[in-house]
Amino acid sequence: MLDFNAYQKLAMRTASSATNENLILNGVMGLCGEAGECIDIVKKHKFQGHALDRDKLIDEASDCLWYLATLASGLGVSLEDVAKHNVEKLRKRYPDGFDAEKSVNR
């Protein structure tokens, strides 16, 4: 099993940007580009009659994860830290699980 921190360490073997500023910039820019590729796959499925290419979507999602690891490294935090932060934020926002009413009125 590959945990977040082990993945991040392996991913950073292939990061070409050495400075934190460049890791942040490359991470954010790359994440936006790869997320765009994900939505393009879904758009083609939803509106252009293409079959949903799950393998390609997984491939692009894995690229998103790589860029997220790059961003986290540039920020000096681990992916585990990012994941924990998100869980804590969601617990505060939705203490009893997702609630549409709380989503609209937050």
PDB file of N, CA and C in Angstrom:
ATOM      1  N   MET A   1       0.848  -1.190   0.000  1.00  0.00           N
ATOM      2  CA  MET A   1       0.000   0.000   0.000  1.00  0.00           C
ATOM      3  C   MET A   1       0.888   1.246   0.000  1.00  0.00           C
ATOM      4  N   LEU A   2       0.487   2.210  -0.768  1.00  0.00           N
ATOM      5  CA  LEU A   2       1.239   3.455  -0.912  1.00  0.00           C
ATOM      6  C   LEU A   2       0.492   4.562  -0.187  1.00  0.00           C
ATOM      7  N   ASP A   3       1.100   5.125   0.858  1.00  0.00           N
ATOM      8  CA  ASP A   3       0.431   6.210   1.564  1.00  0.00           C
ATOM      9  C   ASP A   3       0.814   7.556   0.940  1.00  0.00           C
ATOM     10  N   PHE A   4       0.133   8.602   1.364  1.00  0.00           N
ATOM     11  CA  PHE A   4       0.348   9.932   0.798  1.00  0.00           C
ATOM     12  C   PHE A   4       1.812  10.374   0.882  1.00  0.00           C
ATOM     13  N   ASN A   5       2.421  10.203   2.043  1.00  0.00           N
ATOM     14  CA  ASN A   5       3.789  10.697   2.220  1.00  0.00           C
ATOM     15  C   ASN A   5       4.782   9.922   1.364  1.00  0.00           C
ATOM     16  N   ALA A   6       4.597   8.607   1.254  1.00  0.00           N
ATOM     17  CA  ALA A   6       5.477   7.802   0.398  1.00  0.00           C
ATOM     18  C   ALA A   6       5.294   8.209  -1.057  1.00  0.00           C
ATOM     19  N   TYR A   7       4.036   8.428  -1.471  1.00  0.00           N
ATOM     20  CA  TYR A   7       3.778   8.869  -2.836  1.00  0.00           C
ATOM     21  C   TYR A   7       4.470  10.202  -3.108  1.00  0.00           C
ATOM     22  N   GLN A   8       4.322  11.144  -2.183  1.00  0.00           N
ATOM     23  CA  GLN A   8       4.904  12.469  -2.378  1.00  0.00           C
ATOM     24  C   GLN A   8       6.415  12.376  -2.550  1.00  0.00           C
ATOM     25  N   LYS A   9       7.043  11.564  -1.747  1.00  0.00           N
ATOM     26  CA  LYS A   9       8.496  11.397  -1.849  1.00  0.00           C
ATOM     27  C   LYS A   9       8.869  10.824  -3.223  1.00  0.00           C
ATOM     28  N   LEU A  10       8.138   9.826  -3.676  1.00  0.00           N
ATOM     29  CA  LEU A  10       8.413   9.236  -4.989  1.00  0.00           C
ATOM     30  C   LEU A  10       8.123  10.233  -6.114  1.00  0.00           C
ATOM     31  N   ALA A  11       7.056  10.981  -5.988  1.00  0.00           N
ATOM     32  CA  ALA A  11       6.700  11.951  -7.023  1.00  0.00           C
ATOM     33  C   ALA A  11       7.763  13.028  -7.159  1.00  0.00           C
ATOM     34  N   MET A  12       8.341  13.445  -6.057  1.00  0.00           N
ATOM     35  CA  MET A  12       9.314  14.524  -6.098  1.00  0.00           C
ATOM     36  C   MET A  12      10.630  14.119  -6.772  1.00  0.00           C
ATOM     37  N   ARG A  13      10.813  12.824  -6.998  1.00  0.00           N
ATOM     38  CA  ARG A  13      11.985  12.370  -7.757  1.00  0.00           C
ATOM     39  C   ARG A  13      11.956  12.922  -9.170  1.00  0.00           C
ATOM     40  N   THR A  14      10.757  13.226  -9.676  1.00  0.00           N
ATOM     41  CA  THR A  14      10.630  13.672 -11.059  1.00  0.00           C
ATOM     42  C   THR A  14      10.268  15.149 -11.175  1.00  0.00           C
ATOM     43  N   ALA A  15      10.347  15.892 -10.093  1.00  0.00           N
ATOM     44  CA  ALA A  15      10.071  17.331 -10.138  1.00  0.00           C
ATOM     45  C   ALA A  15      11.340  18.053 -10.582  1.00  0.00           C
ATOM     46  N   SER A  16      11.218  18.873 -11.600  1.00  0.00           N
ATOM     47  CA  SER A  16      12.400  19.561 -12.122  1.00  0.00           C
ATOM     48  C   SER A  16      12.633  20.917 -11.465  1.00  0.00           C
ATOM     49  N   SER A  17      11.629  21.455 -10.810  1.00  0.00           N
ATOM     50  CA  SER A  17      11.754  22.775 -10.182  1.00  0.00           C
ATOM     51  C   SER A  17      12.347  22.640  -8.800  1.00  0.00           C
ATOM     52  N   ALA A  18      13.476  23.285  -8.584  1.00  0.00           N
ATOM     53  CA  ALA A  18      14.189  23.102  -7.325  1.00  0.00           C
ATOM     54  C   ALA A  18      13.745  24.053  -6.221  1.00  0.00           C
ATOM     55  N   THR A  19      13.333  25.262  -6.557  1.00  0.00           N
ATOM     56  CA  THR A  19      12.984  26.213  -5.506  1.00  0.00           C
ATOM     57  C   THR A  19      11.531  26.027  -5.077  1.00  0.00           C
ATOM     58  N   ASN A  20      11.250  26.415  -3.849  1.00  0.00           N
ATOM     59  CA  ASN A  20       9.873  26.319  -3.363  1.00  0.00           C
ATOM     60  C   ASN A  20       8.923  27.145  -4.215  1.00  0.00           C
ATOM     61  N   GLU A  21       9.351  28.351  -4.606  1.00  0.00           N
ATOM     62  CA  GLU A  21       8.493  29.201  -5.427  1.00  0.00           C
ATOM     63  C   GLU A  21       8.153  28.518  -6.748  1.00  0.00           C
ATOM     64  N   ASN A  22       9.145  27.901  -7.381  1.00  0.00           N
ATOM     65  CA  ASN A  22       8.886  27.219  -8.644  1.00  0.00           C
ATOM     66  C   ASN A  22       8.040  25.968  -8.458  1.00  0.00           C
ATOM     67  N   LEU A  23       8.220  25.260  -7.351  1.00  0.00           N
ATOM     68  CA  LEU A  23       7.380  24.100  -7.073  1.00  0.00           C
ATOM     69  C   LEU A  23       5.926  24.528  -6.907  1.00  0.00           C
ATOM     70  N   ILE A  24       5.714  25.642  -6.216  1.00  0.00           N
ATOM     71  CA  ILE A  24       4.350  26.158  -6.026  1.00  0.00           C
ATOM     72  C   ILE A  24       3.753  26.554  -7.367  1.00  0.00           C
ATOM     73  N   LEU A  25       4.486  27.331  -8.145  1.00  0.00           N
ATOM     74  CA  LEU A  25       3.978  27.777  -9.443  1.00  0.00           C
ATOM     75  C   LEU A  25       3.708  26.606 -10.371  1.00  0.00           C
ATOM     76  N   ASN A  26       4.653  25.682 -10.467  1.00  0.00           N
ATOM     77  CA  ASN A  26       4.477  24.520 -11.329  1.00  0.00           C
ATOM     78  C   ASN A  26       3.302  23.673 -10.842  1.00  0.00           C
ATOM     79  N   GLY A  27       3.182  23.523  -9.520  1.00  0.00           N
ATOM     80  CA  GLY A  27       2.091  22.742  -8.954  1.00  0.00           C
ATOM     81  C   GLY A  27       0.730  23.327  -9.271  1.00  0.00           C
ATOM     82  N   VAL A  28       0.566  24.621  -9.048  1.00  0.00           N
ATOM     83  CA  VAL A  28      -0.725  25.272  -9.280  1.00  0.00           C
ATOM     84  C   VAL A  28      -1.068  25.293 -10.768  1.00  0.00           C
ATOM     85  N   MET A  29      -0.100  25.667 -11.586  1.00  0.00           N
ATOM     86  CA  MET A  29      -0.361  25.740 -13.029  1.00  0.00           C
ATOM     87  C   MET A  29      -0.652  24.356 -13.612  1.00  0.00           C
ATOM     88  N   GLY A  30       0.147  23.382 -13.213  1.00  0.00           N
ATOM     89  CA  GLY A  30      -0.062  22.026 -13.712  1.00  0.00           C
ATOM     90  C   GLY A  30      -1.374  21.423 -13.241  1.00  0.00           C
ATOM     91  N   LEU A  31      -1.732  21.695 -11.991  1.00  0.00           N
ATOM     92  CA  LEU A  31      -2.991  21.188 -11.448  1.00  0.00           C
ATOM     93  C   LEU A  31      -4.176  21.741 -12.240  1.00  0.00           C
ATOM     94  N   CYS A  32      -4.129  23.018 -12.559  1.00  0.00           N
ATOM     95  CA  CYS A  32      -5.209  23.619 -13.358  1.00  0.00           C
ATOM     96  C   CYS A  32      -5.279  22.983 -14.739  1.00  0.00           C
ATOM     97  N   GLY A  33      -4.140  22.776 -15.364  1.00  0.00           N
ATOM     98  CA  GLY A  33      -4.127  22.167 -16.694  1.00  0.00           C
ATOM     99  C   GLY A  33      -4.658  20.754 -16.692  1.00  0.00           C
ATOM    100  N   GLU A  34      -4.231  19.961 -15.729  1.00  0.00           N
ATOM    101  CA  GLU A  34      -4.674  18.562 -15.662  1.00  0.00           C
ATOM    102  C   GLU A  34      -6.141  18.457 -15.278  1.00  0.00           C
ATOM    103  N   ALA A  35      -6.608  19.349 -14.391  1.00  0.00           N
ATOM    104  CA  ALA A  35      -8.039  19.362 -14.052  1.00  0.00           C
ATOM    105  C   ALA A  35      -8.855  19.699 -15.292  1.00  0.00           C
ATOM    106  N   GLY A  36      -8.328  20.589 -16.125  1.00  0.00           N
ATOM    107  CA  GLY A  36      -8.988  20.905 -17.395  1.00  0.00           C
ATOM    108  C   GLY A  36      -9.082  19.695 -18.301  1.00  0.00           C
ATOM    109  N   GLU A  37      -8.031  18.875 -18.314  1.00  0.00           N
ATOM    110  CA  GLU A  37      -8.074  17.658 -19.122  1.00  0.00           C
ATOM    111  C   GLU A  37      -9.121  16.684 -18.577  1.00  0.00           C
ATOM    112  N   CYS A  38      -9.263  16.628 -17.251  1.00  0.00           N
ATOM    113  CA  CYS A  38     -10.295  15.768 -16.648  1.00  0.00           C
ATOM    114  C   CYS A  38     -11.686  16.216 -17.082  1.00  0.00           C
ATOM    115  N   ILE A  39     -11.950  17.507 -16.987  1.00  0.00           N
ATOM    116  CA  ILE A  39     -13.288  17.986 -17.333  1.00  0.00           C
ATOM    117  C   ILE A  39     -13.557  17.832 -18.822  1.00  0.00           C
ATOM    118  N   ASP A  40     -12.522  17.896 -19.649  1.00  0.00           N
ATOM    119  CA  ASP A  40     -12.714  17.712 -21.082  1.00  0.00           C
ATOM    120  C   ASP A  40     -13.179  16.285 -21.399  1.00  0.00           C
ATOM    121  N   ILE A  41     -12.644  15.320 -20.670  1.00  0.00           N
ATOM    122  CA  ILE A  41     -13.067  13.928 -20.854  1.00  0.00           C
ATOM    123  C   ILE A  41     -14.541  13.770 -20.485  1.00  0.00           C
ATOM    124  N   VAL A  42     -14.926  14.370 -19.367  1.00  0.00           N
ATOM    125  CA  VAL A  42     -16.314  14.286 -18.911  1.00  0.00           C
ATOM    126  C   VAL A  42     -17.233  15.054 -19.859  1.00  0.00           C
ATOM    127  N   LYS A  43     -16.795  16.225 -20.335  1.00  0.00           N
ATOM    128  CA  LYS A  43     -17.584  17.017 -21.290  1.00  0.00           C
ATOM    129  C   LYS A  43     -17.854  16.218 -22.563  1.00  0.00           C
ATOM    130  N   LYS A  44     -16.829  15.569 -23.081  1.00  0.00           N
ATOM    131  CA  LYS A  44     -17.006  14.788 -24.309  1.00  0.00           C
ATOM    132  C   LYS A  44     -17.996  13.643 -24.089  1.00  0.00           C
ATOM    133  N   HIS A  45     -17.954  13.059 -22.896  1.00  0.00           N
ATOM    134  CA  HIS A  45     -18.903  11.995 -22.566  1.00  0.00           C
ATOM    135  C   HIS A  45     -20.324  12.553 -22.459  1.00  0.00           C
ATOM    136  N   LYS A  46     -20.470  13.633 -21.734  1.00  0.00           N
ATOM    137  CA  LYS A  46     -21.796  14.176 -21.430  1.00  0.00           C
ATOM    138  C   LYS A  46     -22.460  14.829 -22.645  1.00  0.00           C
ATOM    139  N   PHE A  47     -21.670  15.544 -23.444  1.00  0.00           N
ATOM    140  CA  PHE A  47     -22.284  16.372 -24.482  1.00  0.00           C
ATOM    141  C   PHE A  47     -21.922  15.992 -25.914  1.00  0.00           C
ATOM    142  N   GLN A  48     -20.937  15.116 -26.113  1.00  0.00           N
ATOM    143  CA  GLN A  48     -20.506  14.813 -27.477  1.00  0.00           C
ATOM    144  C   GLN A  48     -20.631  13.336 -27.834  1.00  0.00           C
ATOM    145  N   GLY A  49     -21.262  12.566 -26.959  1.00  0.00           N
ATOM    146  CA  GLY A  49     -21.543  11.175 -27.282  1.00  0.00           C
ATOM    147  C   GLY A  49     -20.382  10.207 -27.133  1.00  0.00           C
ATOM    148  N   HIS A  50     -19.287  10.656 -26.539  1.00  0.00           N
ATOM    149  CA  HIS A  50     -18.162   9.746 -26.319  1.00  0.00           C
ATOM    150  C   HIS A  50     -18.457   8.820 -25.147  1.00  0.00           C
ATOM    151  N   ALA A  51     -17.897   7.631 -25.197  1.00  0.00           N
ATOM    152  CA  ALA A  51     -17.937   6.760 -24.017  1.00  0.00           C
ATOM    153  C   ALA A  51     -17.056   7.401 -22.948  1.00  0.00           C
ATOM    154  N   LEU A  52     -17.443   7.234 -21.694  1.00  0.00           N
ATOM    155  CA  LEU A  52     -16.600   7.751 -20.622  1.00  0.00           C
ATOM    156  C   LEU A  52     -15.332   6.917 -20.567  1.00  0.00           C
ATOM    157  N   ASP A  53     -14.216   7.541 -20.849  1.00  0.00           N
ATOM    158  CA  ASP A  53     -12.915   6.861 -20.871  1.00  0.00           C
ATOM    159  C   ASP A  53     -12.340   6.860 -19.456  1.00  0.00           C
ATOM    160  N   ARG A  54     -12.728   5.864 -18.685  1.00  0.00           N
ATOM    161  CA  ARG A  54     -12.312   5.781 -17.281  1.00  0.00           C
ATOM    162  C   ARG A  54     -10.802   5.699 -17.146  1.00  0.00           C
ATOM    163  N   ASP A  55     -10.153   4.923 -18.020  1.00  0.00           N
ATOM    164  CA  ASP A  55      -8.699   4.790 -17.931  1.00  0.00           C
ATOM    165  C   ASP A  55      -8.005   6.125 -18.155  1.00  0.00           C
ATOM    166  N   LYS A  56      -8.474   6.882 -19.135  1.00  0.00           N
ATOM    167  CA  LYS A  56      -7.887   8.199 -19.404  1.00  0.00           C
ATOM    168  C   LYS A  56      -8.172   9.151 -18.255  1.00  0.00           C
ATOM    169  N   LEU A  57      -9.365   9.064 -17.680  1.00  0.00           N
ATOM    170  CA  LEU A  57      -9.707   9.918 -16.545  1.00  0.00           C
ATOM    171  C   LEU A  57      -8.834   9.591 -15.338  1.00  0.00           C
ATOM    172  N   ILE A  58      -8.600   8.313 -15.091  1.00  0.00           N
ATOM    173  CA  ILE A  58      -7.687   7.913 -14.009  1.00  0.00           C
ATOM    174  C   ILE A  58      -6.282   8.422 -14.289  1.00  0.00           C
ATOM    175  N   ASP A  59      -5.856   8.328 -15.544  1.00  0.00           N
ATOM    176  CA  ASP A  59      -4.532   8.820 -15.928  1.00  0.00           C
ATOM    177  C   ASP A  59      -4.401  10.314 -15.635  1.00  0.00           C
ATOM    178  N   GLU A  60      -5.405  11.088 -16.012  1.00  0.00           N
ATOM    179  CA  GLU A  60      -5.360  12.535 -15.771  1.00  0.00           C
ATOM    180  C   GLU A  60      -5.485  12.848 -14.279  1.00  0.00           C
ATOM    181  N   ALA A  61      -6.295  12.087 -13.559  1.00  0.00           N
ATOM    182  CA  ALA A  61      -6.411  12.288 -12.108  1.00  0.00           C
ATOM    183  C   ALA A  61      -5.075  12.020 -11.421  1.00  0.00           C
ATOM    184  N   SER A  62      -4.345  11.034 -11.918  1.00  0.00           N
ATOM    185  CA  SER A  62      -3.030  10.754 -11.324  1.00  0.00           C
ATOM    186  C   SER A  62      -2.065  11.908 -11.593  1.00  0.00           C
ATOM    187  N   ASP A  63      -2.211  12.560 -12.742  1.00  0.00           N
ATOM    188  CA  ASP A  63      -1.399  13.753 -13.012  1.00  0.00           C
ATOM    189  C   ASP A  63      -1.772  14.881 -12.053  1.00  0.00           C
ATOM    190  N   CYS A  64      -3.067  15.022 -11.749  1.00  0.00           N
ATOM    191  CA  CYS A  64      -3.505  16.015 -10.757  1.00  0.00           C
ATOM    192  C   CYS A  64      -2.841  15.751  -9.412  1.00  0.00           C
ATOM    193  N   LEU A  65      -2.795  14.482  -9.018  1.00  0.00           N
ATOM    194  CA  LEU A  65      -2.177  14.135  -7.747  1.00  0.00           C
ATOM    195  C   LEU A  65      -0.700  14.497  -7.741  1.00  0.00           C
ATOM    196  N   TRP A  66      -0.009  14.262  -8.862  1.00  0.00           N
ATOM    197  CA  TRP A  66       1.415  14.599  -8.957  1.00  0.00           C
ATOM    198  C   TRP A  66       1.613  16.104  -8.753  1.00  0.00           C
ATOM    199  N   TYR A  67       0.797  16.900  -9.429  1.00  0.00           N
ATOM    200  CA  TYR A  67       0.933  18.353  -9.283  1.00  0.00           C
ATOM    201  C   TYR A  67       0.539  18.819  -7.890  1.00  0.00           C
ATOM    202  N   LEU A  68      -0.415  18.162  -7.263  1.00  0.00           N
ATOM    203  CA  LEU A  68      -0.775  18.497  -5.888  1.00  0.00           C
ATOM    204  C   LEU A  68       0.387  18.186  -4.945  1.00  0.00           C
ATOM    205  N   ALA A  69       1.064  17.073  -5.182  1.00  0.00           N
ATOM    206  CA  ALA A  69       2.253  16.734  -4.382  1.00  0.00           C
ATOM    207  C   ALA A  69       3.345  17.775  -4.578  1.00  0.00           C
ATOM    208  N   THR A  70       3.488  18.257  -5.808  1.00  0.00           N
ATOM    209  CA  THR A  70       4.481  19.299  -6.095  1.00  0.00           C
ATOM    210  C   THR A  70       4.143  20.580  -5.355  1.00  0.00           C
ATOM    211  N   LEU A  71       2.878  20.979  -5.403  1.00  0.00           N
ATOM    212  CA  LEU A  71       2.424  22.169  -4.695  1.00  0.00           C
ATOM    213  C   LEU A  71       2.674  22.031  -3.195  1.00  0.00           C
ATOM    214  N   ALA A  72       2.289  20.906  -2.626  1.00  0.00           N
ATOM    215  CA  ALA A  72       2.478  20.691  -1.184  1.00  0.00           C
ATOM    216  C   ALA A  72       3.961  20.762  -0.825  1.00  0.00           C
ATOM    217  N   SER A  73       4.804  20.158  -1.635  1.00  0.00           N
ATOM    218  CA  SER A  73       6.244  20.196  -1.370  1.00  0.00           C
ATOM    219  C   SER A  73       6.756  21.627  -1.393  1.00  0.00           C
ATOM    220  N   GLY A  74       6.305  22.407  -2.365  1.00  0.00           N
ATOM    221  CA  GLY A  74       6.707  23.814  -2.427  1.00  0.00           C
ATOM    222  C   GLY A  74       6.254  24.609  -1.218  1.00  0.00           C
ATOM    223  N   LEU A  75       5.110  24.225  -0.658  1.00  0.00           N
ATOM    224  CA  LEU A  75       4.590  24.887   0.541  1.00  0.00           C
ATOM    225  C   LEU A  75       5.244  24.371   1.819  1.00  0.00           C
ATOM    226  N   GLY A  76       6.029  23.300   1.682  1.00  0.00           N
ATOM    227  CA  GLY A  76       6.710  22.744   2.848  1.00  0.00           C
ATOM    228  C   GLY A  76       5.823  21.893   3.729  1.00  0.00           C
ATOM    229  N   VAL A  77       4.765  21.325   3.131  1.00  0.00           N
ATOM    230  CA  VAL A  77       3.864  20.452   3.885  1.00  0.00           C
ATOM    231  C   VAL A  77       3.740  19.123   3.157  1.00  0.00           C
ATOM    232  N   SER A  78       3.247  18.130   3.865  1.00  0.00           N
ATOM    233  CA  SER A  78       3.048  16.822   3.260  1.00  0.00           C
ATOM    234  C   SER A  78       1.624  16.709   2.708  1.00  0.00           C
ATOM    235  N   LEU A  79       1.441  15.784   1.789  1.00  0.00           N
ATOM    236  CA  LEU A  79       0.082  15.506   1.313  1.00  0.00           C
ATOM    237  C   LEU A  79      -0.795  15.037   2.465  1.00  0.00           C
ATOM    238  N   GLU A  80      -0.205  14.324   3.408  1.00  0.00           N
ATOM    239  CA  GLU A  80      -0.967  13.906   4.583  1.00  0.00           C
ATOM    240  C   GLU A  80      -1.467  15.129   5.349  1.00  0.00           C
ATOM    241  N   ASP A  81      -0.614  16.152   5.488  1.00  0.00           N
ATOM    242  CA  ASP A  81      -1.035  17.390   6.145  1.00  0.00           C
ATOM    243  C   ASP A  81      -2.205  18.036   5.407  1.00  0.00           C
ATOM    244  N   VAL A  82      -2.119  18.055   4.083  1.00  0.00           N
ATOM    245  CA  VAL A  82      -3.191  18.637   3.269  1.00  0.00           C
ATOM    246  C   VAL A  82      -4.484  17.848   3.467  1.00  0.00           C
ATOM    247  N   ALA A  83      -4.384  16.524   3.451  1.00  0.00           N
ATOM    248  CA  ALA A  83      -5.567  15.678   3.631  1.00  0.00           C
ATOM    249  C   ALA A  83      -6.185  15.886   5.019  1.00  0.00           C
ATOM    250  N   LYS A  84      -5.347  15.936   6.050  1.00  0.00           N
ATOM    251  CA  LYS A  84      -5.854  16.162   7.408  1.00  0.00           C
ATOM    252  C   LYS A  84      -6.532  17.525   7.517  1.00  0.00           C
ATOM    253  N   HIS A  85      -5.926  18.535   6.912  1.00  0.00           N
ATOM    254  CA  HIS A  85      -6.512  19.878   6.923  1.00  0.00           C
ATOM    255  C   HIS A  85      -7.907  19.860   6.311  1.00  0.00           C
ATOM    256  N   ASN A  86      -8.064  19.162   5.197  1.00  0.00           N
ATOM    257  CA  ASN A  86      -9.349  19.092   4.527  1.00  0.00           C
ATOM    258  C   ASN A  86     -10.386  18.384   5.377  1.00  0.00           C
ATOM    259  N   VAL A  87     -10.000  17.274   6.007  1.00  0.00           N
ATOM    260  CA  VAL A  87     -10.935  16.536   6.865  1.00  0.00           C
ATOM    261  C   VAL A  87     -11.388  17.411   8.032  1.00  0.00           C
ATOM    262  N   GLU A  88     -10.451  18.141   8.638  1.00  0.00           N
ATOM    263  CA  GLU A  88     -10.812  19.026   9.754  1.00  0.00           C
ATOM    264  C   GLU A  88     -11.755  20.135   9.295  1.00  0.00           C
ATOM    265  N   LYS A  89     -11.475  20.718   8.137  1.00  0.00           N
ATOM    266  CA  LYS A  89     -12.327  21.777   7.597  1.00  0.00           C
ATOM    267  C   LYS A  89     -13.738  21.242   7.345  1.00  0.00           C
ATOM    268  N   LEU A  90     -13.846  20.051   6.756  1.00  0.00           N
ATOM    269  CA  LEU A  90     -15.160  19.471   6.461  1.00  0.00           C
ATOM    270  C   LEU A  90     -15.903  19.067   7.723  1.00  0.00           C
ATOM    271  N   ARG A  91     -15.170  18.612   8.740  1.00  0.00           N
ATOM    272  CA  ARG A  91     -15.819  18.274  10.023  1.00  0.00           C
ATOM    273  C   ARG A  91     -16.464  19.495  10.650  1.00  0.00           C
ATOM    274  N   LYS A  92     -15.772  20.628  10.570  1.00  0.00           N
ATOM    275  CA  LYS A  92     -16.333  21.870  11.119  1.00  0.00           C
ATOM    276  C   LYS A  92     -17.540  22.322  10.300  1.00  0.00           C
ATOM    277  N   ARG A  93     -17.435  22.211   8.979  1.00  0.00           N
ATOM    278  CA  ARG A  93     -18.503  22.683   8.092  1.00  0.00           C
ATOM    279  C   ARG A  93     -19.723  21.776   8.148  1.00  0.00           C
ATOM    280  N   TYR A  94     -19.488  20.476   8.202  1.00  0.00           N
ATOM    281  CA  TYR A  94     -20.561  19.482   8.187  1.00  0.00           C
ATOM    282  C   TYR A  94     -20.346  18.476   9.321  1.00  0.00           C
ATOM    283  N   PRO A  95     -20.585  18.870  10.569  1.00  0.00           N
ATOM    284  CA  PRO A  95     -20.284  17.986  11.699  1.00  0.00           C
ATOM    285  C   PRO A  95     -21.064  16.672  11.686  1.00  0.00           C
ATOM    286  N   ASP A  96     -22.237  16.670  11.056  1.00  0.00           N
ATOM    287  CA  ASP A  96     -23.057  15.455  11.004  1.00  0.00           C
ATOM    288  C   ASP A  96     -23.065  14.836   9.608  1.00  0.00           C
ATOM    289  N   GLY A  97     -22.078  15.160   8.786  1.00  0.00           N
ATOM    290  CA  GLY A  97     -22.046  14.707   7.400  1.00  0.00           C
ATOM    291  C   GLY A  97     -22.641  15.769   6.488  1.00  0.00           C
ATOM    292  N   PHE A  98     -22.564  15.556   5.204  1.00  0.00           N
ATOM    293  CA  PHE A  98     -23.032  16.562   4.244  1.00  0.00           C
ATOM    294  C   PHE A  98     -24.488  16.884   4.473  1.00  0.00           C
ATOM    295  N   ASP A  99     -24.787  18.168   4.361  1.00  0.00           N
ATOM    296  CA  ASP A  99     -26.146  18.677   4.519  1.00  0.00           C
ATOM    297  C   ASP A  99     -26.337  19.758   3.455  1.00  0.00           C
ATOM    298  N   ALA A 100     -27.272  19.534   2.534  1.00  0.00           N
ATOM    299  CA  ALA A 100     -27.491  20.483   1.444  1.00  0.00           C
ATOM    300  C   ALA A 100     -27.825  21.876   1.974  1.00  0.00           C
ATOM    301  N   GLU A 101     -28.615  21.950   3.021  1.00  0.00           N
ATOM    302  CA  GLU A 101     -28.982  23.233   3.608  1.00  0.00           C
ATOM    303  C   GLU A 101     -27.745  23.987   4.085  1.00  0.00           C
ATOM    304  N   LYS A 102     -26.837  23.293   4.772  1.00  0.00           N
ATOM    305  CA  LYS A 102     -25.609  23.922   5.246  1.00  0.00           C
ATOM    306  C   LYS A 102     -24.701  24.296   4.087  1.00  0.00           C
ATOM    307  N   SER A 103     -24.771  23.550   3.015  1.00  0.00           N
ATOM    308  CA  SER A 103     -23.974  23.850   1.834  1.00  0.00           C
ATOM    309  C   SER A 103     -24.433  25.162   1.194  1.00  0.00           C
ATOM    310  N   VAL A 104     -25.725  25.372   1.135  1.00  0.00           N
ATOM    311  CA  VAL A 104     -26.278  26.580   0.525  1.00  0.00           C
ATOM    312  C   VAL A 104     -26.067  27.776   1.440  1.00  0.00           C
ATOM    313  N   ASN A 105     -26.291  27.589   2.733  1.00  0.00           N
ATOM    314  CA  ASN A 105     -26.237  28.683   3.706  1.00  0.00           C
ATOM    315  C   ASN A 105     -25.016  28.573   4.601  1.00  0.00           C
ATOM    316  N   ARG A 106     -23.846  28.771   4.031  1.00  0.00           N
ATOM    317  CA  ARG A 106     -22.641  28.703   4.877  1.00  0.00           C
ATOM    318  C   ARG A 106     -21.891  29.988   4.925  1.00  0.00           C
TER     319      ARG A 106
END
